[in-house]
Amino acid sequence: MNSGLPTLSSAALPFDDDSWEDLLNFIEEKKVIPVIGPELLTVQTEEGPKNLYDWLAGRLAAKLGITGASLPTSPTLNDVVVQFLSRRGRREDAYTRIRTILREVSFAPPTALLQLAEITDFDLYVSTSFDSLLEDALNTVRFGGQRSTEALAYAPNKVVDIPSERSQLVRPVVYHLMGRLSASPTYVISDEDTLEFVCALQSEHYCPEKLFSELEHSHLLFLGGGFSDWLTRLFLRLAKRRRLSDPRDVGEVFADSHVLSEPRLVYFLQQVSSRTRLFADGPEMFIAELHRRWTARRSATAVPFGSSATNPVRFMPPHREMPDQAIFISYAREDLPAVQRLKAGLDAAGLVTWFDMDQLAGGDDFERKIRNNIHRCSFFIPIISATTQRRVEGWFRREWSQGVDRTYAMAEGATFILPVCIDNTPEAGAVVPEKFLKNHWTRLPGGEPTPEFARRLRQLLGRSE
């Protein structure tokens, strides 16, 4: 009997070259947010490749003493938790057991997550799973394994929002909308948990406002979410904050095997939500093609000093803690793009640089951290610009004073302060410490380092060419 609902082939419109180009343009403009679900979490277990959550369900059942006879053939975490609760088990024990299980294993991030991490135009990710595999992928690809990605987690009893508007984020952020792994019951492992989280997210007082504002005004990529029919509709409505049939400037793509297996959901999305598109070949295929096209587009663009067509320079945010003998860069917040460009070029030349990217609020701990780093650094580079000319007050000026203070314990003529001007600000009348005017200024328009500047730093550090 024909239900009148669309088939898979008629519902999932093909992505032609124009569709991919439009998506890549939006990604480059940082108008796209990936929403990552558990369907992407294929890990290598002792039994071969398995979905992390399917594997975890089996391990949890064993930990809780629940036999296979009382569970479906392929149990989910929800199946295990429901059985455990039906036996009068303490709900809190399930979270502790899961934490223990995952502490005892170390899974490599799946290929799809590594490919997403390599698309450096993505800086904000929403995860609907509680594991750390997405952060691990970002840290592996972008930070050489250092834990520099910021991971945030929502809980109904503790509203945590993103630290700023997306345009002001200084490092990639993974926001766990359904909670993050913990020994406490603060993340979703059952349908009951999902119900509590979704109810809380609909409340005016328990909604992470800055995050949902970004979701509302961005294009969304729903990748392997695995939500049920009505939960998918509800989540999309929460993200868009309006009737789905209302006109809107941004759309979304579902690359989700579960969504495509629900004919009534497909029909609803295709008929009611006109800005929603469905990708027929699943999330891994979608990510692989997106990664291929993004990489091809990037490799065709020009690359800066210190890079090549096969090895482009990418900005790598500084470590949270400054390495010993690093070159300290002091700057005004508004000059961050130029500082990022300077660091990327010097990193490519093999020089270790550091600056405070998070620009923490003032206080004793912040001041102590900066003072200690200036005392330990090998050289001090103050960034001079029209911005610093305008700002008569700012933390960078305190850094400048502390850099000057360190020179008083140095021999006369010792090189420590290396002023860099990133625009046409003249030295005459510059609002800088007098000590800066006694040192040669290097002019690097826009923060783009020259081979000569990198060579001078290497020579000062006693390194051979």
Protein backbone atom coordinates (compact mmCIF):
# COMPACT_ATOMS: atom_id res chain seq x y z
CA MET A 1 0.00 0.00 0.00
CA ASN A 2 1.38 3.40 -0.99
CA SER A 3 1.38 5.81 1.95
CA GLY A 4 1.82 8.83 -0.32
CA LEU A 5 5.03 9.74 1.51
CA PRO A 6 8.22 10.47 -0.45
CA THR A 7 10.77 7.76 -1.03
CA LEU A 8 14.42 8.26 -0.12
CA SER A 9 15.44 9.04 -3.68
CA SER A 10 12.77 11.70 -4.11
CA ALA A 11 13.35 13.29 -0.70
CA ALA A 12 17.13 13.64 -0.71
CA LEU A 13 17.90 16.24 -3.34
CA PRO A 14 21.31 15.83 -4.99
CA PHE A 15 24.12 18.20 -4.08
CA ASP A 16 25.39 19.68 -7.31
CA ASP A 17 28.55 21.77 -7.68
CA ASP A 18 26.66 25.00 -7.06
CA SER A 19 25.25 23.63 -3.80
CA TRP A 20 28.72 22.68 -2.58
CA GLU A 21 30.15 26.06 -3.63
CA ASP A 22 27.40 27.91 -1.77
CA LEU A 23 28.10 25.86 1.35
CA LEU A 24 31.86 26.44 1.11
CA ASN A 25 31.29 30.18 0.75
CA PHE A 26 29.18 30.22 3.91
CA ILE A 27 31.80 28.14 5.74
CA GLU A 28 34.58 30.56 4.76
CA GLU A 29 32.46 33.41 6.10
CA LYS A 30 32.04 31.46 9.36
CA LYS A 31 28.28 31.24 8.98
CA VAL A 32 28.03 27.46 9.40
CA ILE A 33 27.94 25.42 12.62
CA PRO A 34 28.29 21.62 12.58
CA VAL A 35 26.03 19.71 14.99
CA ILE A 36 27.73 16.37 15.62
CA GLY A 37 25.92 13.26 16.83
CA PRO A 38 26.81 9.73 17.99
CA GLU A 39 26.31 8.15 14.56
CA LEU A 40 29.82 9.40 13.62
CA LEU A 41 31.54 7.73 16.56
CA THR A 42 32.93 4.53 15.04
CA VAL A 43 35.91 3.34 17.10
CA GLN A 44 38.30 0.42 16.88
CA THR A 45 37.47 -2.03 19.68
CA GLU A 46 38.89 -5.45 20.47
CA GLU A 47 35.87 -6.81 18.56
CA GLY A 48 36.56 -4.65 15.50
CA PRO A 49 34.98 -1.34 14.43
CA LYS A 50 31.90 -0.49 16.48
CA ASN A 51 29.84 2.53 17.32
CA LEU A 52 31.12 3.86 20.64
CA TYR A 53 27.67 3.96 22.21
CA ASP A 54 26.74 0.45 21.07
CA TRP A 55 30.02 -0.81 22.53
CA LEU A 56 29.44 1.15 25.72
CA ALA A 57 25.93 -0.28 26.15
CA GLY A 58 27.35 -3.81 26.24
CA ARG A 59 30.07 -2.85 28.70
CA LEU A 60 27.61 -1.04 30.96
CA ALA A 61 25.24 -4.02 31.00
CA ALA A 62 28.10 -6.24 32.16
CA LYS A 63 29.13 -3.74 34.85
CA LEU A 64 25.57 -3.53 36.15
CA GLY A 65 25.02 -7.29 36.04
CA ILE A 66 22.26 -7.17 33.42
CA THR A 67 22.16 -10.30 31.27
CA GLY A 68 21.51 -10.39 27.56
CA ALA A 69 18.27 -12.33 28.03
CA SER A 70 16.56 -9.25 29.45
CA LEU A 71 17.81 -6.93 26.69
CA PRO A 72 17.12 -6.56 22.95
CA THR A 73 19.57 -8.12 20.50
CA SER A 74 21.42 -4.84 19.97
CA PRO A 75 20.78 -2.90 23.17
CA THR A 76 21.18 0.85 23.45
CA LEU A 77 22.34 2.72 26.52
CA ASN A 78 18.72 3.60 27.16
CA ASP A 79 17.75 -0.10 27.10
CA VAL A 80 20.40 -0.90 29.68
CA VAL A 81 19.49 2.02 31.94
CA VAL A 82 15.76 1.22 31.82
CA GLN A 83 16.45 -2.40 32.80
CA PHE A 84 18.71 -1.27 35.61
CA LEU A 85 16.08 1.13 36.98
CA SER A 86 13.38 -1.55 36.73
CA ARG A 87 15.49 -3.63 39.13
CA ARG A 88 15.51 -0.78 41.62
CA GLY A 89 19.06 0.21 40.76
CA ARG A 90 20.31 3.66 41.74
CA ARG A 91 20.24 5.90 38.67
CA GLU A 92 23.43 7.69 39.76
CA ASP A 93 25.41 4.43 39.64
CA ALA A 94 25.06 4.17 35.86
CA TYR A 95 26.95 7.44 35.27
CA THR A 96 29.77 6.39 37.57
CA ARG A 97 30.12 3.04 35.81
CA ILE A 98 30.26 4.73 32.39
CA ARG A 99 32.96 7.08 33.65
CA THR A 100 34.95 4.10 34.90
CA ILE A 101 34.58 2.20 31.62
CA LEU A 102 35.81 5.11 29.51
CA ARG A 103 38.72 5.85 31.85
CA GLU A 104 40.08 2.38 31.10
CA VAL A 105 40.18 2.78 27.30
CA SER A 106 41.69 5.22 24.82
CA PHE A 107 40.05 5.41 21.42
CA ALA A 108 41.55 7.31 18.49
CA PRO A 109 39.22 9.92 16.96
CA PRO A 110 37.29 8.58 13.94
CA THR A 111 38.37 9.71 10.47
CA ALA A 112 35.24 11.80 9.97
CA LEU A 113 35.98 13.87 13.08
CA LEU A 114 39.61 14.38 12.04
CA GLN A 115 38.41 15.61 8.64
CA LEU A 116 36.02 18.05 10.30
CA ALA A 117 38.83 19.28 12.54
CA GLU A 118 40.99 19.99 9.48
CA ILE A 119 38.36 22.41 8.16
CA THR A 120 39.79 25.30 10.12
CA ASP A 121 36.98 27.69 9.17
CA PHE A 122 34.87 25.82 11.72
CA ASP A 123 35.43 27.31 15.17
CA LEU A 124 32.21 26.40 16.99
CA TYR A 125 30.87 22.86 17.13
CA VAL A 126 27.79 21.54 18.91
CA SER A 127 27.96 17.94 20.08
CA THR A 128 24.96 15.89 21.14
CA SER A 129 27.17 13.17 22.63
CA PHE A 130 29.03 13.18 25.95
CA ASP A 131 32.39 11.76 24.86
CA SER A 132 35.59 13.74 24.15
CA LEU A 133 36.38 12.35 20.68
CA LEU A 134 35.59 15.61 18.87
CA GLU A 135 37.87 17.60 21.20
CA ASP A 136 40.53 14.91 20.78
CA ALA A 137 40.30 15.29 16.99
CA LEU A 138 40.65 19.08 17.18
CA ASN A 139 43.56 18.88 19.60
CA THR A 140 45.29 16.29 17.41
CA VAL A 141 44.89 18.19 14.15
CA ARG A 142 45.25 21.79 15.27
CA PHE A 143 47.34 21.72 18.44
CA GLY A 144 49.73 18.79 18.12
CA GLY A 145 47.88 16.89 20.84
CA GLN A 146 47.88 19.75 23.38
CA ARG A 147 44.53 20.23 25.13
CA SER A 148 43.77 23.66 23.72
CA THR A 149 40.19 23.20 22.48
CA GLU A 150 37.62 24.66 24.85
CA ALA A 151 34.99 22.10 25.86
CA LEU A 152 31.76 23.37 27.44
CA ALA A 153 28.77 21.38 28.63
CA TYR A 154 25.13 22.13 29.34
CA ALA A 155 23.24 20.71 32.30
CA PRO A 156 19.68 21.55 33.35
CA ASN A 157 20.86 22.60 36.81
CA LYS A 158 23.88 24.57 35.58
CA VAL A 159 23.60 26.82 32.55
CA VAL A 160 26.97 27.25 30.83
CA ASP A 161 27.04 29.47 27.75
CA ILE A 162 29.73 30.07 25.13
CA PRO A 163 32.20 32.71 26.39
CA SER A 164 31.44 35.31 23.73
CA GLU A 165 29.82 35.91 20.39
CA ARG A 166 31.23 33.59 17.75
CA SER A 167 33.12 36.39 16.00
CA GLN A 168 35.13 36.96 19.18
CA LEU A 169 36.04 33.34 19.99
CA VAL A 170 39.81 32.96 20.26
CA ARG A 171 40.04 29.15 20.15
CA PRO A 172 37.75 26.38 18.85
CA VAL A 173 34.83 25.54 21.11
CA VAL A 174 32.95 22.25 21.41
CA TYR A 175 29.64 22.72 23.20
CA HIS A 176 28.13 19.49 24.57
CA LEU A 177 24.44 20.27 24.44
CA MET A 178 23.45 16.99 26.12
CA GLY A 179 26.13 17.16 28.81
CA ARG A 180 29.68 15.84 29.03
CA LEU A 181 31.13 12.70 30.60
CA SER A 182 31.28 12.88 34.38
CA ALA A 183 30.85 10.68 37.43
CA SER A 184 27.78 12.80 38.22
CA PRO A 185 24.37 12.50 36.50
CA THR A 186 24.91 15.63 34.37
CA TYR A 187 24.73 14.13 30.89
CA VAL A 188 22.28 12.19 28.75
CA ILE A 189 22.39 8.39 28.77
CA SER A 190 18.65 7.61 28.58
CA ASP A 191 15.43 8.83 27.02
CA GLU A 192 14.41 10.20 30.43
CA ASP A 193 17.59 12.29 30.53
CA THR A 194 16.88 13.58 27.03
CA LEU A 195 13.41 14.66 28.14
CA GLU A 196 14.83 16.60 31.08
CA PHE A 197 17.47 18.35 28.97
CA VAL A 198 15.02 19.33 26.22
CA CYS A 199 12.48 20.66 28.71
CA ALA A 200 15.17 22.75 30.39
CA LEU A 201 16.45 24.10 27.06
CA GLN A 202 12.97 25.43 26.29
CA SER A 203 12.95 27.45 29.49
CA GLU A 204 13.87 31.11 29.26
CA HIS A 205 15.96 30.87 32.42
CA TYR A 206 17.86 27.68 31.54
CA CYS A 207 18.76 28.32 27.90
CA PRO A 208 22.36 29.22 26.89
CA GLU A 209 21.35 32.43 25.17
CA LYS A 210 24.55 33.26 23.26
CA LEU A 211 24.80 29.74 21.86
CA PHE A 212 21.21 29.64 20.67
CA SER A 213 21.52 33.07 19.13
CA GLU A 214 24.40 31.69 17.03
CA LEU A 215 22.36 28.62 16.08
CA GLU A 216 19.41 30.80 15.09
CA HIS A 217 21.45 32.98 12.73
CA SER A 218 23.78 30.34 11.26
CA HIS A 219 23.50 27.61 8.68
CA LEU A 220 23.57 24.25 10.45
CA LEU A 221 25.03 20.89 9.44
CA PHE A 222 23.28 18.09 11.33
CA LEU A 223 25.75 15.21 11.04
CA GLY A 224 24.80 11.81 12.45
CA GLY A 225 22.53 13.08 15.20
CA GLY A 226 20.49 9.90 15.58
CA PHE A 227 17.48 11.70 17.09
CA SER A 228 14.02 10.19 16.82
CA ASP A 229 11.35 11.67 14.53
CA TRP A 230 9.76 14.13 16.93
CA LEU A 231 12.94 14.95 18.79
CA THR A 232 14.52 15.99 15.48
CA ARG A 233 11.59 18.31 14.76
CA LEU A 234 11.72 19.75 18.26
CA PHE A 235 15.47 20.29 18.23
CA LEU A 236 15.33 22.05 14.86
CA ARG A 237 12.52 24.28 16.13
CA LEU A 238 14.53 25.11 19.27
CA ALA A 239 17.57 26.03 17.19
CA LYS A 240 15.67 28.23 14.74
CA ARG A 241 13.37 29.86 17.34
CA ARG A 242 10.46 30.26 14.94
CA ARG A 243 7.94 28.24 12.99
CA LEU A 244 9.84 26.13 10.50
CA SER A 245 7.51 27.19 7.70
CA ASP A 246 8.37 30.87 8.25
CA PRO A 247 10.86 32.40 5.78
CA ARG A 248 14.44 32.57 7.08
CA ASP A 249 17.82 33.55 5.66
CA VAL A 250 19.71 30.49 6.85
CA GLY A 251 19.16 26.81 6.18
CA GLU A 252 20.35 23.44 7.36
CA VAL A 253 21.60 20.17 5.92
CA PHE A 254 20.77 16.79 7.45
CA ALA A 255 23.33 14.09 6.72
CA ASP A 256 21.84 11.56 9.07
CA SER A 257 20.98 7.93 8.33
CA HIS A 258 18.35 7.85 11.07
CA VAL A 259 16.48 10.87 9.67
CA LEU A 260 16.39 9.37 6.21
CA SER A 261 14.91 6.15 7.59
CA GLU A 262 11.88 8.05 8.94
CA PRO A 263 9.53 8.68 5.95
CA ARG A 264 7.12 10.87 7.92
CA LEU A 265 9.99 13.04 9.18
CA VAL A 266 11.39 13.30 5.66
CA TYR A 267 7.96 14.34 4.38
CA PHE A 268 7.61 16.95 7.13
CA LEU A 269 11.02 18.48 6.49
CA GLN A 270 10.60 18.56 2.73
CA GLN A 271 7.10 20.01 2.78
CA VAL A 272 7.19 22.32 5.79
CA SER A 273 10.81 23.38 6.32
CA SER A 274 11.77 24.69 2.89
CA ARG A 275 15.33 25.67 3.92
CA THR A 276 16.16 22.12 5.02
CA ARG A 277 18.10 19.82 2.70
CA LEU A 278 18.72 16.09 3.09
CA PHE A 279 21.90 14.35 1.99
CA ALA A 280 21.26 10.76 0.91
CA ASP A 281 24.65 9.09 1.43
CA GLY A 282 25.13 9.46 5.17
CA PRO A 283 27.30 11.69 7.38
CA GLU A 284 30.70 10.08 6.69
CA MET A 285 30.28 10.49 2.92
CA PHE A 286 29.09 14.07 3.37
CA ILE A 287 32.09 14.99 5.54
CA ALA A 288 34.56 13.26 3.22
CA GLU A 289 33.26 15.19 0.20
CA LEU A 290 33.13 18.47 2.12
CA HIS A 291 36.70 17.94 3.31
CA ARG A 292 37.89 17.14 -0.22
CA ARG A 293 36.30 20.25 -1.72
CA TRP A 294 37.42 22.55 1.13
CA THR A 295 41.01 21.27 0.89
CA ALA A 296 41.06 21.70 -2.90
CA ARG A 297 39.79 25.26 -2.57
CA ARG A 298 42.37 26.11 0.09
CA SER A 299 45.29 24.64 -1.84
CA ALA A 300 44.43 26.87 -4.79
CA THR A 301 44.87 30.08 -2.76
CA ALA A 302 48.09 31.97 -2.18
CA VAL A 303 50.13 31.10 0.91
CA PRO A 304 52.22 33.43 3.12
CA PHE A 305 55.92 33.53 3.95
CA GLY A 306 57.32 30.29 5.32
CA SER A 307 54.77 28.05 3.62
CA SER A 308 54.33 26.15 0.40
CA ALA A 309 51.43 24.94 -1.70
CA THR A 310 51.70 21.52 -0.06
CA ASN A 311 52.39 22.81 3.44
CA PRO A 312 50.38 26.00 4.03
CA VAL A 313 50.96 28.02 7.18
CA ARG A 314 48.03 27.88 9.54
CA PHE A 315 47.62 29.89 12.71
CA MET A 316 47.99 27.63 15.74
CA PRO A 317 46.75 29.28 18.94
CA PRO A 318 49.40 29.53 21.66
CA HIS A 319 49.56 27.03 24.50
CA ARG A 320 47.63 28.05 27.58
CA GLU A 321 50.93 28.07 29.49
CA MET A 322 53.94 29.78 27.91
CA PRO A 323 56.85 27.45 27.04
CA ASP A 324 60.22 28.38 28.52
CA GLN A 325 62.23 30.93 26.50
CA ALA A 326 59.36 31.72 24.15
CA ILE A 327 59.14 35.09 22.40
CA PHE A 328 56.46 37.13 24.21
CA ILE A 329 54.13 39.19 21.99
CA SER A 330 52.24 42.03 23.68
CA TYR A 331 49.29 43.55 21.81
CA ALA A 332 46.00 45.40 22.01
CA ARG A 333 42.93 43.20 21.61
CA GLU A 334 41.87 44.89 18.37
CA ASP A 335 45.17 43.88 16.72
CA LEU A 336 44.63 40.14 17.25
CA PRO A 337 44.35 39.24 13.50
CA ALA A 338 47.77 40.80 12.82
CA VAL A 339 49.26 39.03 15.84
CA GLN A 340 47.86 35.70 14.62
CA ARG A 341 49.48 36.31 11.23
CA LEU A 342 52.80 37.18 12.88
CA LYS A 343 52.75 34.07 15.07
CA ALA A 344 51.88 31.79 12.14
CA GLY A 345 54.85 33.06 10.14
CA LEU A 346 57.30 32.85 13.03
CA ASP A 347 56.08 29.37 13.93
CA ALA A 348 56.77 28.32 10.32
CA ALA A 349 60.31 29.65 10.73
CA GLY A 350 60.83 27.39 13.77
CA LEU A 351 60.49 30.13 16.39
CA VAL A 352 58.49 29.61 19.58
CA THR A 353 56.15 32.52 20.28
CA TRP A 354 53.47 33.14 22.90
CA PHE A 355 50.82 35.69 23.69
CA ASP A 356 47.79 35.77 25.95
CA MET A 357 45.08 34.84 23.49
CA ASP A 358 42.31 34.57 26.05
CA GLN A 359 42.84 38.14 27.30
CA LEU A 360 41.62 37.24 30.77
CA ALA A 361 39.96 39.84 32.94
CA GLY A 362 42.28 41.72 35.22
CA GLY A 363 43.12 40.42 38.66
CA ASP A 364 45.94 39.15 40.84
CA ASP A 365 46.23 35.77 39.11
CA PHE A 366 46.24 37.33 35.65
CA GLU A 367 48.86 39.92 36.57
CA ARG A 368 51.06 37.29 38.24
CA LYS A 369 50.86 35.05 35.18
CA ILE A 370 51.85 37.84 32.79
CA ARG A 371 54.64 39.12 35.04
CA ASN A 372 56.13 35.63 35.36
CA ASN A 373 55.94 35.04 31.61
CA ILE A 374 57.66 38.32 30.80
CA HIS A 375 60.39 37.42 33.30
CA ARG A 376 60.89 34.00 31.59
CA CYS A 377 60.62 34.96 27.92
CA SER A 378 63.63 35.23 25.58
CA PHE A 379 62.50 38.43 23.83
CA PHE A 380 59.64 40.88 24.18
CA ILE A 381 57.79 42.10 21.06
CA PRO A 382 55.38 44.99 21.68
CA ILE A 383 52.91 45.49 18.79
CA ILE A 384 52.53 49.19 18.00
CA SER A 385 49.61 50.42 15.91
CA ALA A 386 46.97 53.07 15.45
CA THR A 387 44.99 51.11 18.05
CA THR A 388 47.67 51.46 20.71
CA GLN A 389 47.93 55.15 19.84
CA ARG A 390 44.24 55.62 20.57
CA ARG A 391 44.15 53.58 23.76
CA VAL A 392 45.81 55.38 26.64
CA GLU A 393 44.79 52.58 28.99
CA GLY A 394 44.89 48.81 28.63
CA TRP A 395 46.55 45.62 29.89
CA PHE A 396 49.06 45.78 27.05
CA ARG A 397 50.43 48.99 28.58
CA ARG A 398 51.01 47.18 31.87
CA GLU A 399 52.83 44.46 29.92
CA TRP A 400 54.92 47.11 28.20
CA SER A 401 55.90 48.58 31.59
CA GLN A 402 56.85 45.16 32.92
CA GLY A 403 58.92 44.49 29.78
CA VAL A 404 60.79 47.75 30.35
CA ASP A 405 61.27 46.90 34.04
CA ARG A 406 63.04 43.67 33.13
CA THR A 407 65.66 45.56 31.08
CA TYR A 408 66.88 47.40 34.18
CA ALA A 409 68.54 44.19 35.36
CA MET A 410 70.24 43.68 31.98
CA ALA A 411 73.60 44.84 30.73
CA GLU A 412 73.71 48.10 28.79
CA GLY A 413 72.99 47.44 25.13
CA ALA A 414 71.46 43.98 25.66
CA THR A 415 68.71 43.18 23.18
CA PHE A 416 65.37 42.26 24.71
CA ILE A 417 62.65 44.60 23.45
CA LEU A 418 61.97 44.36 19.70
CA PRO A 419 59.17 46.81 18.81
CA VAL A 420 57.04 45.86 15.79
CA CYS A 421 54.76 48.36 14.08
CA ILE A 422 51.96 46.83 12.00
CA ASP A 423 50.85 49.99 10.19
CA ASN A 424 52.17 53.46 9.34
CA THR A 425 52.19 54.85 12.89
CA PRO A 426 55.19 57.25 13.05
CA GLU A 427 57.81 56.90 15.74
CA ALA A 428 57.73 60.65 16.37
CA GLY A 429 54.97 61.28 18.88
CA ALA A 430 54.25 57.58 19.44
CA VAL A 431 52.48 56.87 22.73
CA VAL A 432 55.01 54.28 23.91
CA PRO A 433 57.59 53.97 26.72
CA GLU A 434 60.76 55.95 26.05
CA LYS A 435 62.72 52.70 26.03
CA PHE A 436 60.85 51.65 22.85
CA LEU A 437 62.06 54.74 21.03
CA LYS A 438 65.68 53.77 21.73
CA ASN A 439 65.22 50.47 19.93
CA HIS A 440 64.95 49.94 16.18
CA TRP A 441 61.33 49.46 15.08
CA THR A 442 60.55 46.69 12.61
CA ARG A 443 57.65 47.52 10.33
CA LEU A 444 55.53 44.50 9.39
CA PRO A 445 52.33 45.77 7.73
CA GLY A 446 49.37 43.72 8.85
CA GLY A 447 51.67 41.58 11.01
CA GLU A 448 53.11 39.70 8.01
CA PRO A 449 56.65 38.63 9.04
CA THR A 450 59.49 38.96 6.57
CA PRO A 451 62.34 36.46 6.08
CA GLU A 452 64.74 39.15 7.34
CA PHE A 453 62.85 39.56 10.62
CA ALA A 454 62.70 35.80 11.21
CA ARG A 455 66.41 35.53 10.37
CA ARG A 456 67.28 38.27 12.89
CA LEU A 457 65.35 36.49 15.64
CA ARG A 458 67.10 33.23 14.88
CA GLN A 459 70.48 34.96 15.04
CA LEU A 460 69.61 36.60 18.37
CA LEU A 461 68.68 33.19 19.69
CA GLY A 462 72.05 31.84 18.52
CA ARG A 463 70.59 29.48 15.93
CA SER A 464 72.34 28.72 12.68
CA GLU A 465 70.52 29.21 9.39
